[in-house]
Amino acid sequence: MAAPTATERSTPGGLKLKDGFSSKLTLAADSDIEFFEKTVQPPGMDAGEAIETTTMHNTTYRTFTARKLITLTQITINAAYDPAVYTSIVAIIGDETTITVEFADGTTIAFYGFLKSFTPEAMEEGTMPMAAIVIVPTNVDSTGAEQGPTVTSVTGT
C-alpha cells in the first residue's frame, strides 16, 4: 500500500444547529417526570481505545488498528426539579426503557437505555435547586437483541 496522501475537506452537507434551545430528554417509562432540563448533553459515539498491533518486525513506529464496535456514550442532564421526582425516580431508576433526545431543530435520537443516577446539587439561598441526571445507553431491546439509535431528522437537515 502506498503512503497516505492529503485529502481536501469538502463543504459539509446538511444544516448546522444554530442554538441549543430548546433541547429535551424523554424517558418512555415516565414521559412527564418532574424534572426541567436546563442543559442536555446528547449521547456521543466512541470507537474505544486503539488496539496496538506492534510486533518485533516494526522498525520505526508503533502500529495500531481500530476496534470494530461503537459505544454510545452516557448522557448528562442538568435540571431543576420538583421534590416529587424522588417517588418517580424510585419507580424507574435502573429500568431499561426507550430514551429520546430532542434537539433544538426538532430532530430526535431514540435508543434503549436506563436512568443511572439522579444527584441533587447543594441547595442555597439565591440559586435554583438543580440535579445532575445520568442516562446510560444499553443498545439492546427487551429481548437482548442489539439495537442502535434511531435518528429522525426534520426537513432540511
N, C-alpha and C. Protein backbone atom coordinates (compact mmCIF):
# COMPACT_ATOMS: atom_id res chain seq x y z
N MET A 1 0.84 -1.18 0.00
CA MET A 1 0.00 0.00 0.00
C MET A 1 0.89 1.24 0.00
N ALA A 2 0.49 2.24 -0.74
CA ALA A 2 1.26 3.48 -0.86
C ALA A 2 1.13 4.33 0.40
N ALA A 3 2.03 5.28 0.55
CA ALA A 3 1.97 6.23 1.65
C ALA A 3 0.69 7.06 1.53
N PRO A 4 0.14 7.53 2.64
CA PRO A 4 -1.09 8.33 2.57
C PRO A 4 -0.86 9.67 1.88
N THR A 5 -1.90 10.16 1.23
CA THR A 5 -1.86 11.50 0.62
C THR A 5 -2.98 12.33 1.21
N ALA A 6 -2.77 13.62 1.25
CA ALA A 6 -3.75 14.53 1.84
C ALA A 6 -5.05 14.55 1.03
N THR A 7 -6.17 14.72 1.74
CA THR A 7 -7.49 14.86 1.12
C THR A 7 -8.05 16.21 1.50
N GLU A 8 -8.58 16.93 0.53
CA GLU A 8 -9.16 18.25 0.79
C GLU A 8 -10.52 18.09 1.46
N ARG A 9 -10.83 18.95 2.43
CA ARG A 9 -12.10 18.95 3.14
C ARG A 9 -13.17 19.50 2.23
N SER A 10 -14.28 18.77 2.10
CA SER A 10 -15.43 19.22 1.31
C SER A 10 -16.37 20.02 2.18
N THR A 11 -17.22 20.82 1.56
CA THR A 11 -18.23 21.56 2.29
C THR A 11 -19.24 20.57 2.87
N PRO A 12 -19.53 20.65 4.17
CA PRO A 12 -20.45 19.70 4.79
C PRO A 12 -21.87 19.83 4.22
N GLY A 13 -22.56 18.71 4.16
CA GLY A 13 -23.97 18.73 3.79
C GLY A 13 -24.81 19.01 5.03
N GLY A 14 -26.10 19.19 4.85
CA GLY A 14 -26.99 19.41 5.99
C GLY A 14 -26.94 20.84 6.51
N LEU A 15 -27.60 21.04 7.63
CA LEU A 15 -27.67 22.34 8.28
C LEU A 15 -27.16 22.21 9.70
N LYS A 16 -26.31 23.13 10.13
CA LYS A 16 -25.80 23.08 11.50
C LYS A 16 -26.84 23.62 12.46
N LEU A 17 -26.84 23.09 13.66
CA LEU A 17 -27.68 23.64 14.72
C LEU A 17 -27.17 25.05 15.04
N LYS A 18 -28.07 25.98 15.22
CA LYS A 18 -27.67 27.36 15.50
C LYS A 18 -27.77 27.70 16.97
N ASP A 19 -28.57 26.93 17.71
CA ASP A 19 -28.79 27.23 19.13
C ASP A 19 -29.20 25.92 19.81
N GLY A 20 -28.82 25.75 21.06
CA GLY A 20 -29.19 24.55 21.80
C GLY A 20 -30.56 24.62 22.42
N PHE A 21 -31.20 25.76 22.34
CA PHE A 21 -32.53 25.93 22.93
C PHE A 21 -33.58 25.58 21.90
N SER A 22 -34.46 24.78 22.17
CA SER A 22 -34.78 24.04 23.36
C SER A 22 -34.54 22.56 23.11
N SER A 23 -33.73 21.95 23.95
CA SER A 23 -33.42 20.53 23.83
C SER A 23 -33.99 19.82 25.05
N LYS A 24 -34.58 18.64 24.82
CA LYS A 24 -35.26 17.92 25.91
C LYS A 24 -34.93 16.44 25.87
N LEU A 25 -35.16 15.78 27.00
CA LEU A 25 -34.97 14.34 27.11
C LEU A 25 -36.27 13.71 27.59
N THR A 26 -36.66 12.61 26.95
CA THR A 26 -37.87 11.89 27.36
C THR A 26 -37.51 10.47 27.73
N LEU A 27 -38.00 10.04 28.86
CA LEU A 27 -37.91 8.65 29.29
C LEU A 27 -39.27 8.03 29.02
N ALA A 28 -39.34 7.02 28.15
CA ALA A 28 -40.63 6.42 27.81
C ALA A 28 -41.33 5.86 29.04
N ALA A 29 -40.56 5.42 30.03
CA ALA A 29 -41.14 4.86 31.25
C ALA A 29 -41.88 5.90 32.08
N ASP A 30 -41.59 7.18 31.88
CA ASP A 30 -42.26 8.26 32.61
C ASP A 30 -42.03 9.56 31.83
N SER A 31 -42.86 9.77 30.81
CA SER A 31 -42.63 10.89 29.88
C SER A 31 -42.88 12.27 30.49
N ASP A 32 -43.51 12.32 31.66
CA ASP A 32 -43.73 13.63 32.31
C ASP A 32 -43.07 13.69 33.69
N ILE A 33 -41.93 13.02 33.81
CA ILE A 33 -41.19 13.01 35.07
C ILE A 33 -40.90 14.44 35.51
N GLU A 34 -40.82 14.66 36.80
CA GLU A 34 -40.80 16.00 37.37
C GLU A 34 -39.42 16.66 37.39
N PHE A 35 -38.71 16.66 36.27
CA PHE A 35 -37.51 17.48 36.17
C PHE A 35 -37.62 18.36 34.93
N PHE A 36 -36.87 19.46 34.97
CA PHE A 36 -36.96 20.51 33.95
C PHE A 36 -35.56 20.77 33.42
N GLU A 37 -35.30 20.31 32.20
CA GLU A 37 -33.96 20.36 31.63
C GLU A 37 -33.44 21.79 31.52
N LYS A 38 -32.24 21.97 32.00
CA LYS A 38 -31.53 23.24 31.83
C LYS A 38 -30.42 23.06 30.80
N THR A 39 -29.69 21.94 30.89
CA THR A 39 -28.71 21.57 29.88
C THR A 39 -28.89 20.09 29.55
N VAL A 40 -28.71 19.77 28.28
CA VAL A 40 -28.82 18.38 27.82
C VAL A 40 -27.58 18.09 26.98
N GLN A 41 -26.81 17.10 27.41
CA GLN A 41 -25.66 16.66 26.62
C GLN A 41 -26.08 15.38 25.89
N PRO A 42 -26.29 15.44 24.57
CA PRO A 42 -26.70 14.25 23.83
C PRO A 42 -25.64 13.15 23.89
N PRO A 43 -26.01 11.93 23.54
CA PRO A 43 -25.02 10.86 23.54
C PRO A 43 -23.98 11.10 22.46
N GLY A 44 -22.78 10.67 22.73
CA GLY A 44 -21.73 10.68 21.73
C GLY A 44 -21.49 9.26 21.25
N MET A 45 -20.53 9.11 20.37
CA MET A 45 -20.14 7.78 19.90
C MET A 45 -18.65 7.64 20.10
N ASP A 46 -18.24 6.46 20.57
CA ASP A 46 -16.84 6.22 20.90
C ASP A 46 -16.44 4.85 20.36
N ALA A 47 -15.39 4.81 19.54
CA ALA A 47 -14.91 3.54 18.99
C ALA A 47 -14.00 2.80 19.96
N GLY A 48 -13.68 3.39 21.09
CA GLY A 48 -12.83 2.72 22.08
C GLY A 48 -11.36 2.97 21.82
N GLU A 49 -10.56 2.44 22.72
CA GLU A 49 -9.11 2.60 22.60
C GLU A 49 -8.59 1.82 21.40
N ALA A 50 -7.55 2.33 20.79
CA ALA A 50 -6.91 1.64 19.67
C ALA A 50 -6.30 0.33 20.15
N ILE A 51 -6.25 -0.64 19.25
CA ILE A 51 -5.59 -1.92 19.53
C ILE A 51 -4.17 -1.83 19.02
N GLU A 52 -3.19 -2.02 19.89
CA GLU A 52 -1.80 -1.95 19.45
C GLU A 52 -1.46 -3.21 18.66
N THR A 53 -0.88 -3.03 17.49
CA THR A 53 -0.52 -4.15 16.62
C THR A 53 0.98 -4.24 16.37
N THR A 54 1.75 -3.52 17.18
CA THR A 54 3.21 -3.51 17.03
C THR A 54 3.78 -4.90 17.28
N THR A 55 4.74 -5.28 16.45
CA THR A 55 5.44 -6.56 16.64
C THR A 55 6.94 -6.31 16.57
N MET A 56 7.69 -7.34 16.74
CA MET A 56 9.15 -7.24 16.64
C MET A 56 9.59 -6.98 15.21
N HIS A 57 8.68 -7.00 14.26
CA HIS A 57 9.01 -6.71 12.87
C HIS A 57 8.87 -5.23 12.53
N ASN A 58 8.28 -4.42 13.42
CA ASN A 58 8.24 -2.98 13.21
C ASN A 58 9.67 -2.44 13.30
N THR A 59 9.92 -1.35 12.56
CA THR A 59 11.28 -0.81 12.57
C THR A 59 11.38 0.61 13.11
N THR A 60 10.28 1.40 12.99
CA THR A 60 10.33 2.79 13.42
C THR A 60 9.12 3.20 14.27
N TYR A 61 7.94 2.75 13.87
CA TYR A 61 6.71 3.21 14.50
C TYR A 61 5.96 2.08 15.20
N ARG A 62 5.29 2.44 16.31
CA ARG A 62 4.30 1.53 16.88
C ARG A 62 3.08 1.62 15.97
N THR A 63 2.41 0.51 15.76
CA THR A 63 1.24 0.49 14.88
C THR A 63 -0.01 0.14 15.67
N PHE A 64 -1.14 0.60 15.14
CA PHE A 64 -2.42 0.43 15.82
C PHE A 64 -3.51 0.14 14.80
N THR A 65 -4.61 -0.40 15.27
CA THR A 65 -5.80 -0.57 14.43
C THR A 65 -7.02 -0.20 15.26
N ALA A 66 -8.10 0.08 14.57
CA ALA A 66 -9.33 0.49 15.24
C ALA A 66 -10.14 -0.72 15.69
N ARG A 67 -10.88 -0.53 16.75
CA ARG A 67 -11.85 -1.55 17.18
C ARG A 67 -13.03 -1.50 16.24
N LYS A 68 -13.87 -2.49 16.29
CA LYS A 68 -15.00 -2.59 15.36
C LYS A 68 -16.33 -2.18 15.97
N LEU A 69 -16.46 -2.17 17.30
CA LEU A 69 -17.74 -1.87 17.94
C LEU A 69 -17.78 -0.44 18.45
N ILE A 70 -18.98 0.12 18.49
CA ILE A 70 -19.21 1.51 18.89
C ILE A 70 -19.90 1.55 20.24
N THR A 71 -19.46 2.44 21.10
CA THR A 71 -20.13 2.70 22.36
C THR A 71 -20.91 4.00 22.23
N LEU A 72 -22.20 3.96 22.52
CA LEU A 72 -23.00 5.18 22.64
C LEU A 72 -22.73 5.69 24.05
N THR A 73 -22.21 6.90 24.19
CA THR A 73 -21.75 7.40 25.49
C THR A 73 -22.91 7.88 26.36
N GLN A 74 -22.62 7.98 27.64
CA GLN A 74 -23.61 8.42 28.61
C GLN A 74 -24.09 9.83 28.31
N ILE A 75 -25.31 10.09 28.74
CA ILE A 75 -25.92 11.42 28.61
C ILE A 75 -25.92 12.06 29.99
N THR A 76 -25.59 13.33 30.03
CA THR A 76 -25.67 14.09 31.27
C THR A 76 -26.65 15.23 31.10
N ILE A 77 -27.56 15.35 32.03
CA ILE A 77 -28.56 16.43 32.03
C ILE A 77 -28.44 17.18 33.34
N ASN A 78 -28.51 18.48 33.29
CA ASN A 78 -28.65 19.29 34.49
C ASN A 78 -30.06 19.84 34.46
N ALA A 79 -30.77 19.67 35.57
CA ALA A 79 -32.18 20.02 35.56
C ALA A 79 -32.63 20.57 36.90
N ALA A 80 -33.61 21.48 36.83
CA ALA A 80 -34.37 21.87 38.01
C ALA A 80 -35.34 20.73 38.26
N TYR A 81 -35.91 20.66 39.45
CA TYR A 81 -36.80 19.53 39.74
C TYR A 81 -37.82 19.87 40.81
N ASP A 82 -38.91 19.12 40.77
CA ASP A 82 -39.92 19.12 41.81
C ASP A 82 -39.52 17.99 42.77
N PRO A 83 -39.51 18.20 44.09
CA PRO A 83 -39.13 17.13 45.01
C PRO A 83 -39.95 15.84 44.83
N ALA A 84 -41.12 15.94 44.21
CA ALA A 84 -41.92 14.75 43.92
C ALA A 84 -41.19 13.79 42.99
N VAL A 85 -40.13 14.26 42.33
CA VAL A 85 -39.38 13.41 41.41
C VAL A 85 -38.75 12.21 42.14
N TYR A 86 -38.52 12.33 43.43
CA TYR A 86 -37.94 11.21 44.16
C TYR A 86 -38.82 9.96 44.04
N THR A 87 -40.12 10.12 44.16
CA THR A 87 -41.04 8.99 44.02
C THR A 87 -40.99 8.44 42.60
N SER A 88 -40.95 9.33 41.61
CA SER A 88 -40.89 8.89 40.21
C SER A 88 -39.59 8.17 39.90
N ILE A 89 -38.49 8.67 40.44
CA ILE A 89 -37.18 8.07 40.19
C ILE A 89 -37.13 6.65 40.76
N VAL A 90 -37.61 6.46 41.97
CA VAL A 90 -37.61 5.13 42.57
C VAL A 90 -38.32 4.12 41.68
N ALA A 91 -39.37 4.56 41.00
CA ALA A 91 -40.15 3.67 40.15
C ALA A 91 -39.43 3.27 38.87
N ILE A 92 -38.45 4.06 38.40
CA ILE A 92 -37.85 3.76 37.09
C ILE A 92 -36.33 3.65 37.07
N ILE A 93 -35.64 4.04 38.15
CA ILE A 93 -34.17 4.02 38.12
C ILE A 93 -33.68 2.59 37.86
N GLY A 94 -32.76 2.46 36.93
CA GLY A 94 -32.20 1.16 36.60
C GLY A 94 -33.06 0.31 35.67
N ASP A 95 -34.26 0.78 35.33
CA ASP A 95 -35.13 0.03 34.41
C ASP A 95 -34.85 0.45 32.98
N GLU A 96 -34.67 -0.52 32.10
CA GLU A 96 -34.39 -0.22 30.70
C GLU A 96 -35.66 0.23 29.99
N THR A 97 -35.53 1.29 29.20
CA THR A 97 -36.66 1.90 28.52
C THR A 97 -36.15 2.60 27.27
N THR A 98 -37.04 3.19 26.51
CA THR A 98 -36.62 4.00 25.36
C THR A 98 -36.33 5.40 25.85
N ILE A 99 -35.19 5.92 25.43
CA ILE A 99 -34.75 7.28 25.76
C ILE A 99 -34.79 8.07 24.46
N THR A 100 -35.34 9.27 24.51
CA THR A 100 -35.37 10.14 23.33
C THR A 100 -34.77 11.49 23.69
N VAL A 101 -33.79 11.91 22.88
CA VAL A 101 -33.25 13.27 23.00
C VAL A 101 -33.79 14.05 21.81
N GLU A 102 -34.42 15.19 22.10
CA GLU A 102 -34.92 16.07 21.05
C GLU A 102 -34.01 17.27 20.94
N PHE A 103 -33.46 17.48 19.76
CA PHE A 103 -32.59 18.61 19.50
C PHE A 103 -33.42 19.87 19.26
N ALA A 104 -32.76 21.01 19.29
CA ALA A 104 -33.44 22.29 19.15
C ALA A 104 -34.20 22.43 17.84
N ASP A 105 -33.74 21.75 16.77
CA ASP A 105 -34.43 21.86 15.48
C ASP A 105 -35.56 20.84 15.32
N GLY A 106 -35.80 20.01 16.34
CA GLY A 106 -36.86 19.01 16.28
C GLY A 106 -36.36 17.62 15.91
N THR A 107 -35.10 17.49 15.49
CA THR A 107 -34.53 16.18 15.22
C THR A 107 -34.51 15.38 16.52
N THR A 108 -34.74 14.07 16.42
CA THR A 108 -34.68 13.23 17.61
C THR A 108 -33.70 12.07 17.41
N ILE A 109 -33.15 11.62 18.51
CA ILE A 109 -32.38 10.39 18.54
C ILE A 109 -32.99 9.54 19.65
N ALA A 110 -33.44 8.34 19.29
CA ALA A 110 -34.06 7.43 20.25
C ALA A 110 -33.21 6.18 20.37
N PHE A 111 -33.07 5.67 21.59
CA PHE A 111 -32.25 4.48 21.83
C PHE A 111 -32.71 3.85 23.14
N TYR A 112 -32.28 2.62 23.34
CA TYR A 112 -32.59 1.95 24.60
C TYR A 112 -31.54 2.31 25.63
N GLY A 113 -32.00 2.50 26.87
CA GLY A 113 -31.08 2.85 27.94
C GLY A 113 -31.81 2.87 29.27
N PHE A 114 -31.12 3.38 30.29
CA PHE A 114 -31.73 3.47 31.61
C PHE A 114 -31.22 4.69 32.36
N LEU A 115 -32.03 5.12 33.32
CA LEU A 115 -31.65 6.20 34.22
C LEU A 115 -30.68 5.62 35.24
N LYS A 116 -29.44 6.08 35.18
CA LYS A 116 -28.40 5.57 36.08
C LYS A 116 -28.41 6.29 37.42
N SER A 117 -28.50 7.63 37.36
CA SER A 117 -28.42 8.37 38.61
C SER A 117 -29.13 9.71 38.54
N PHE A 118 -29.58 10.14 39.70
CA PHE A 118 -30.18 11.45 39.93
C PHE A 118 -29.47 11.99 41.16
N THR A 119 -28.66 13.05 40.97
CA THR A 119 -27.85 13.57 42.07
C THR A 119 -28.12 15.06 42.26
N PRO A 120 -28.90 15.41 43.28
CA PRO A 120 -29.15 16.83 43.53
C PRO A 120 -27.88 17.55 43.97
N GLU A 121 -27.77 18.80 43.53
CA GLU A 121 -26.67 19.64 43.98
C GLU A 121 -27.03 20.26 45.33
N ALA A 122 -26.05 20.82 46.00
CA ALA A 122 -26.31 21.50 47.26
C ALA A 122 -27.27 22.67 47.01
N MET A 123 -28.20 22.84 47.93
CA MET A 123 -29.17 23.95 47.80
C MET A 123 -28.69 25.12 48.64
N GLU A 124 -28.88 26.32 48.09
CA GLU A 124 -28.50 27.51 48.83
C GLU A 124 -29.40 28.68 48.44
N GLU A 125 -29.47 29.63 49.30
CA GLU A 125 -30.30 30.82 49.08
C GLU A 125 -29.84 31.54 47.83
N GLY A 126 -30.79 31.94 47.02
CA GLY A 126 -30.48 32.73 45.84
C GLY A 126 -30.14 31.93 44.59
N THR A 127 -30.22 30.61 44.66
CA THR A 127 -29.95 29.80 43.48
C THR A 127 -31.05 28.76 43.28
N MET A 128 -31.30 28.43 42.02
CA MET A 128 -32.29 27.41 41.70
C MET A 128 -31.74 26.04 42.05
N PRO A 129 -32.47 25.24 42.82
CA PRO A 129 -32.01 23.87 43.08
C PRO A 129 -31.92 23.07 41.78
N MET A 130 -30.78 22.42 41.59
CA MET A 130 -30.51 21.67 40.37
C MET A 130 -30.08 20.25 40.73
N ALA A 131 -30.17 19.38 39.73
CA ALA A 131 -29.71 18.00 39.90
C ALA A 131 -28.99 17.56 38.64
N ALA A 132 -28.02 16.68 38.80
CA ALA A 132 -27.34 16.05 37.67
C ALA A 132 -28.00 14.70 37.44
N ILE A 133 -28.36 14.43 36.18
CA ILE A 133 -29.04 13.19 35.81
C ILE A 133 -28.16 12.50 34.78
N VAL A 134 -27.92 11.21 34.97
CA VAL A 134 -27.09 10.44 34.03
C VAL A 134 -27.93 9.32 33.43
N ILE A 135 -27.90 9.23 32.11
CA ILE A 135 -28.59 8.18 31.35
C ILE A 135 -27.53 7.32 30.68
N VAL A 136 -27.69 6.01 30.75
CA VAL A 136 -26.74 5.08 30.11
C VAL A 136 -27.43 4.37 28.94
N PRO A 137 -26.92 4.54 27.73
CA PRO A 137 -27.44 3.78 26.60
C PRO A 137 -27.05 2.30 26.74
N THR A 138 -27.99 1.40 26.45
CA THR A 138 -27.70 -0.04 26.53
C THR A 138 -27.53 -0.68 25.15
N ASN A 139 -28.19 -0.11 24.15
CA ASN A 139 -28.13 -0.63 22.78
C ASN A 139 -28.68 -2.05 22.63
N VAL A 140 -29.54 -2.47 23.55
CA VAL A 140 -30.24 -3.76 23.43
C VAL A 140 -31.71 -3.57 23.76
N ASP A 141 -32.58 -4.30 23.03
CA ASP A 141 -34.01 -4.23 23.30
C ASP A 141 -34.38 -5.23 24.40
N SER A 142 -35.67 -5.35 24.69
CA SER A 142 -36.13 -6.20 25.79
C SER A 142 -35.84 -7.68 25.56
N THR A 143 -35.56 -8.09 24.32
CA THR A 143 -35.23 -9.49 24.03
C THR A 143 -33.73 -9.74 24.12
N GLY A 144 -32.95 -8.66 24.29
CA GLY A 144 -31.50 -8.79 24.33
C GLY A 144 -30.84 -8.60 22.98
N ALA A 145 -31.64 -8.29 21.95
CA ALA A 145 -31.09 -8.07 20.61
C ALA A 145 -30.43 -6.69 20.52
N GLU A 146 -29.30 -6.65 19.84
CA GLU A 146 -28.58 -5.39 19.64
C GLU A 146 -29.44 -4.44 18.81
N GLN A 147 -29.60 -3.21 19.30
CA GLN A 147 -30.36 -2.18 18.60
C GLN A 147 -29.63 -0.84 18.77
N GLY A 148 -29.19 -0.28 17.69
CA GLY A 148 -28.54 1.03 17.74
C GLY A 148 -29.56 2.14 17.79
N PRO A 149 -29.10 3.37 17.86
CA PRO A 149 -30.01 4.52 17.93
C PRO A 149 -30.74 4.75 16.60
N THR A 150 -31.92 5.35 16.72
CA THR A 150 -32.70 5.76 15.56
C THR A 150 -32.73 7.28 15.53
N VAL A 151 -32.22 7.86 14.44
CA VAL A 151 -32.22 9.32 14.28
C VAL A 151 -33.34 9.68 13.31
N THR A 152 -34.20 10.61 13.73
CA THR A 152 -35.26 11.10 12.88
C THR A 152 -35.00 12.58 12.65
N SER A 153 -34.54 12.91 11.45
CA SER A 153 -34.19 14.29 11.12
C SER A 153 -35.43 15.05 10.66
N VAL A 154 -35.45 16.33 10.96
CA VAL A 154 -36.53 17.18 10.48
C VAL A 154 -36.21 17.58 9.05
N THR A 155 -37.17 18.07 8.34
CA THR A 155 -36.97 18.50 6.96
C THR A 155 -35.88 19.56 6.91
N GLY A 156 -34.95 19.39 5.96
CA GLY A 156 -33.91 20.38 5.76
C GLY A 156 -32.61 20.05 6.44
N THR A 157 -32.59 19.01 7.29
CA THR A 157 -31.32 18.67 7.95
C THR A 157 -30.64 17.54 7.24
